[in-house]
Amino acid sequence: MELKNSIICWIQDLCSERNLNPSSLAYLCGMDRSTIYSILGTKSQNPEIATIKKICDSLEITLGEFFSCPVFDNLEPEIK
């Protein structure tokens, strides 16, 4: 799985655990819904770390907690 898909899956899982939909997440983050939908869709290829940090803050987790998920452990190397 590539990084972008891993980020999408993990955000969706975190939202599901908290019974949040993308619009609710956007509201909590103080972002436009279009930003969240572009991250979860195909528009945004590489979400900025600052955007992920806002999402983490709204979900009350740290960046470390976000990226310590097993979904990130088996990513293919970006540079071969």
N, C-alpha and C. Protein backbone atom coordinates (compact mmCIF):
# COMPACT_ATOMS: atom_id res chain seq x y z
N MET A 1 0.85 -1.18 0.00
CA MET A 1 0.00 0.00 0.00
C MET A 1 0.90 1.24 0.00
N GLU A 2 0.49 2.25 -0.73
CA GLU A 2 1.28 3.47 -0.78
C GLU A 2 0.91 4.40 0.37
N LEU A 3 1.74 5.38 0.60
CA LEU A 3 1.57 6.30 1.72
C LEU A 3 0.21 6.99 1.69
N LYS A 4 -0.17 7.54 0.55
CA LYS A 4 -1.44 8.26 0.44
C LYS A 4 -2.61 7.37 0.86
N ASN A 5 -2.64 6.14 0.36
CA ASN A 5 -3.72 5.22 0.72
C ASN A 5 -3.68 4.86 2.20
N SER A 6 -2.50 4.75 2.77
CA SER A 6 -2.36 4.46 4.19
C SER A 6 -2.93 5.61 5.02
N ILE A 7 -2.63 6.84 4.62
CA ILE A 7 -3.16 8.01 5.33
C ILE A 7 -4.68 8.02 5.26
N ILE A 8 -5.22 7.78 4.07
CA ILE A 8 -6.68 7.77 3.89
C ILE A 8 -7.32 6.71 4.79
N CYS A 9 -6.80 5.50 4.74
CA CYS A 9 -7.37 4.40 5.53
C CYS A 9 -7.32 4.71 7.02
N TRP A 10 -6.23 5.25 7.47
CA TRP A 10 -6.07 5.52 8.89
C TRP A 10 -7.00 6.65 9.34
N ILE A 11 -7.12 7.72 8.55
CA ILE A 11 -8.04 8.80 8.90
C ILE A 11 -9.48 8.26 8.92
N GLN A 12 -9.83 7.45 7.94
CA GLN A 12 -11.18 6.87 7.91
C GLN A 12 -11.43 5.99 9.14
N ASP A 13 -10.44 5.20 9.53
CA ASP A 13 -10.59 4.35 10.71
C ASP A 13 -10.76 5.19 11.97
N LEU A 14 -9.93 6.22 12.10
CA LEU A 14 -10.02 7.10 13.27
C LEU A 14 -11.38 7.79 13.34
N CYS A 15 -11.87 8.23 12.20
CA CYS A 15 -13.19 8.87 12.16
C CYS A 15 -14.29 7.87 12.49
N SER A 16 -14.18 6.68 11.97
CA SER A 16 -15.17 5.64 12.23
C SER A 16 -15.25 5.33 13.73
N GLU A 17 -14.09 5.23 14.37
CA GLU A 17 -14.04 4.97 15.82
C GLU A 17 -14.76 6.06 16.60
N ARG A 18 -14.76 7.28 16.06
CA ARG A 18 -15.34 8.43 16.75
C ARG A 18 -16.71 8.84 16.17
N ASN A 19 -17.23 8.01 15.28
CA ASN A 19 -18.52 8.28 14.62
C ASN A 19 -18.53 9.64 13.94
N LEU A 20 -17.45 9.95 13.23
CA LEU A 20 -17.34 11.21 12.49
C LEU A 20 -17.40 10.94 11.00
N ASN A 21 -18.06 11.81 10.28
CA ASN A 21 -18.00 11.77 8.82
C ASN A 21 -17.04 12.86 8.37
N PRO A 22 -16.68 12.91 7.11
CA PRO A 22 -15.71 13.92 6.65
C PRO A 22 -16.14 15.36 6.96
N SER A 23 -17.42 15.64 6.86
CA SER A 23 -17.89 17.00 7.17
C SER A 23 -17.69 17.34 8.64
N SER A 24 -17.96 16.39 9.51
CA SER A 24 -17.75 16.60 10.95
C SER A 24 -16.27 16.80 11.27
N LEU A 25 -15.45 16.01 10.61
CA LEU A 25 -14.00 16.14 10.81
C LEU A 25 -13.54 17.52 10.37
N ALA A 26 -14.01 17.97 9.22
CA ALA A 26 -13.64 19.30 8.72
C ALA A 26 -14.04 20.37 9.72
N TYR A 27 -15.23 20.25 10.27
CA TYR A 27 -15.71 21.22 11.26
C TYR A 27 -14.79 21.23 12.48
N LEU A 28 -14.45 20.04 13.00
CA LEU A 28 -13.57 19.96 14.17
C LEU A 28 -12.19 20.55 13.89
N CYS A 29 -11.71 20.36 12.66
CA CYS A 29 -10.38 20.84 12.27
C CYS A 29 -10.38 22.34 11.96
N GLY A 30 -11.55 22.89 11.73
CA GLY A 30 -11.62 24.29 11.29
C GLY A 30 -11.17 24.43 9.85
N MET A 31 -11.42 23.40 9.06
CA MET A 31 -11.04 23.39 7.64
C MET A 31 -12.29 23.39 6.77
N ASP A 32 -12.10 23.76 5.52
CA ASP A 32 -13.18 23.61 4.55
C ASP A 32 -13.42 22.12 4.32
N ARG A 33 -14.68 21.77 4.10
CA ARG A 33 -14.99 20.37 3.79
C ARG A 33 -14.23 19.91 2.56
N SER A 34 -14.04 20.81 1.61
CA SER A 34 -13.34 20.44 0.38
C SER A 34 -11.92 19.97 0.65
N THR A 35 -11.28 20.52 1.68
CA THR A 35 -9.92 20.10 2.03
C THR A 35 -9.92 18.65 2.48
N ILE A 36 -10.83 18.31 3.37
CA ILE A 36 -10.91 16.93 3.87
C ILE A 36 -11.29 15.98 2.75
N TYR A 37 -12.28 16.37 1.94
CA TYR A 37 -12.69 15.51 0.84
C TYR A 37 -11.56 15.33 -0.18
N SER A 38 -10.74 16.35 -0.38
CA SER A 38 -9.63 16.20 -1.34
C SER A 38 -8.55 15.27 -0.78
N ILE A 39 -8.35 15.30 0.53
CA ILE A 39 -7.39 14.38 1.15
C ILE A 39 -7.90 12.95 1.05
N LEU A 40 -9.18 12.76 1.33
CA LEU A 40 -9.75 11.41 1.31
C LEU A 40 -10.06 10.91 -0.09
N GLY A 41 -10.04 11.82 -1.05
CA GLY A 41 -10.29 11.45 -2.44
C GLY A 41 -9.00 11.40 -3.24
N THR A 42 -9.10 11.77 -4.49
CA THR A 42 -7.93 11.68 -5.37
C THR A 42 -7.29 13.02 -5.68
N LYS A 43 -7.90 14.12 -5.25
CA LYS A 43 -7.37 15.44 -5.59
C LYS A 43 -6.02 15.72 -4.94
N SER A 44 -5.90 15.43 -3.66
CA SER A 44 -4.68 15.72 -2.92
C SER A 44 -3.78 14.49 -2.95
N GLN A 45 -2.66 14.58 -3.64
CA GLN A 45 -1.76 13.44 -3.74
C GLN A 45 -0.88 13.29 -2.51
N ASN A 46 -0.47 14.41 -1.91
CA ASN A 46 0.41 14.39 -0.75
C ASN A 46 -0.05 15.44 0.25
N PRO A 47 -0.90 15.04 1.21
CA PRO A 47 -1.35 16.02 2.20
C PRO A 47 -0.16 16.55 3.00
N GLU A 48 -0.19 17.84 3.26
CA GLU A 48 0.90 18.46 4.02
C GLU A 48 0.87 17.99 5.46
N ILE A 49 2.03 17.93 6.08
CA ILE A 49 2.13 17.49 7.46
C ILE A 49 1.36 18.45 8.38
N ALA A 50 1.32 19.74 8.03
CA ALA A 50 0.57 20.70 8.84
C ALA A 50 -0.92 20.37 8.82
N THR A 51 -1.41 19.89 7.70
CA THR A 51 -2.82 19.50 7.59
C THR A 51 -3.08 18.24 8.41
N ILE A 52 -2.18 17.29 8.34
CA ILE A 52 -2.32 16.08 9.14
C ILE A 52 -2.25 16.42 10.63
N LYS A 53 -1.40 17.39 10.98
CA LYS A 53 -1.30 17.83 12.38
C LYS A 53 -2.63 18.42 12.85
N LYS A 54 -3.29 19.21 12.01
CA LYS A 54 -4.60 19.77 12.38
C LYS A 54 -5.62 18.66 12.60
N ILE A 55 -5.57 17.66 11.75
CA ILE A 55 -6.47 16.52 11.90
C ILE A 55 -6.18 15.79 13.22
N CYS A 56 -4.91 15.58 13.49
CA CYS A 56 -4.52 14.92 14.74
C CYS A 56 -4.99 15.73 15.94
N ASP A 57 -4.77 17.03 15.90
CA ASP A 57 -5.20 17.88 17.01
C ASP A 57 -6.69 17.76 17.25
N SER A 58 -7.47 17.76 16.17
CA SER A 58 -8.92 17.68 16.32
C SER A 58 -9.37 16.30 16.83
N LEU A 59 -8.59 15.28 16.52
CA LEU A 59 -8.90 13.93 16.99
C LEU A 59 -8.25 13.63 18.34
N GLU A 60 -7.53 14.62 18.87
CA GLU A 60 -6.86 14.54 20.17
C GLU A 60 -5.83 13.41 20.23
N ILE A 61 -5.05 13.33 19.15
CA ILE A 61 -3.91 12.41 19.12
C ILE A 61 -2.69 13.19 18.65
N THR A 62 -1.52 12.65 18.92
CA THR A 62 -0.28 13.29 18.47
C THR A 62 0.08 12.78 17.09
N LEU A 63 0.99 13.49 16.44
CA LEU A 63 1.52 13.00 15.16
C LEU A 63 2.19 11.65 15.35
N GLY A 64 2.88 11.49 16.47
CA GLY A 64 3.53 10.21 16.77
C GLY A 64 2.52 9.08 16.84
N GLU A 65 1.40 9.33 17.50
CA GLU A 65 0.35 8.31 17.59
C GLU A 65 -0.24 8.02 16.21
N PHE A 66 -0.42 9.08 15.42
CA PHE A 66 -0.97 8.90 14.09
C PHE A 66 -0.08 7.99 13.25
N PHE A 67 1.21 8.26 13.23
CA PHE A 67 2.12 7.51 12.36
C PHE A 67 2.63 6.22 12.98
N SER A 68 2.28 5.95 14.26
CA SER A 68 2.73 4.69 14.86
C SER A 68 1.76 3.55 14.57
N CYS A 69 0.76 3.80 13.76
CA CYS A 69 -0.20 2.79 13.35
C CYS A 69 0.50 1.74 12.48
N PRO A 70 0.16 0.46 12.65
CA PRO A 70 0.79 -0.60 11.84
C PRO A 70 0.64 -0.42 10.33
N VAL A 71 -0.37 0.31 9.90
CA VAL A 71 -0.58 0.51 8.46
C VAL A 71 0.62 1.19 7.79
N PHE A 72 1.40 1.93 8.57
CA PHE A 72 2.56 2.62 8.02
C PHE A 72 3.85 1.79 8.07
N ASP A 73 3.80 0.67 8.76
CA ASP A 73 5.02 -0.12 8.96
C ASP A 73 5.49 -0.88 7.73
N ASN A 74 4.59 -1.20 6.82
CA ASN A 74 4.96 -2.04 5.68
C ASN A 74 4.86 -1.31 4.36
N LEU A 75 5.09 -0.01 4.38
CA LEU A 75 5.06 0.76 3.13
C LEU A 75 6.25 0.42 2.27
N GLU A 76 6.04 0.46 0.97
CA GLU A 76 7.12 0.27 0.03
C GLU A 76 8.09 1.45 0.13
N PRO A 77 9.39 1.21 -0.05
CA PRO A 77 10.34 2.33 -0.03
C PRO A 77 10.02 3.32 -1.16
N GLU A 78 10.13 4.61 -0.84
CA GLU A 78 9.90 5.65 -1.83
C GLU A 78 11.07 5.75 -2.81
N ILE A 79 12.26 5.45 -2.31
CA ILE A 79 13.46 5.51 -3.13
C ILE A 79 14.03 4.10 -3.23
N LYS A 80 14.27 3.67 -4.43
CA LYS A 80 14.81 2.31 -4.61
C LYS A 80 16.16 2.38 -5.25
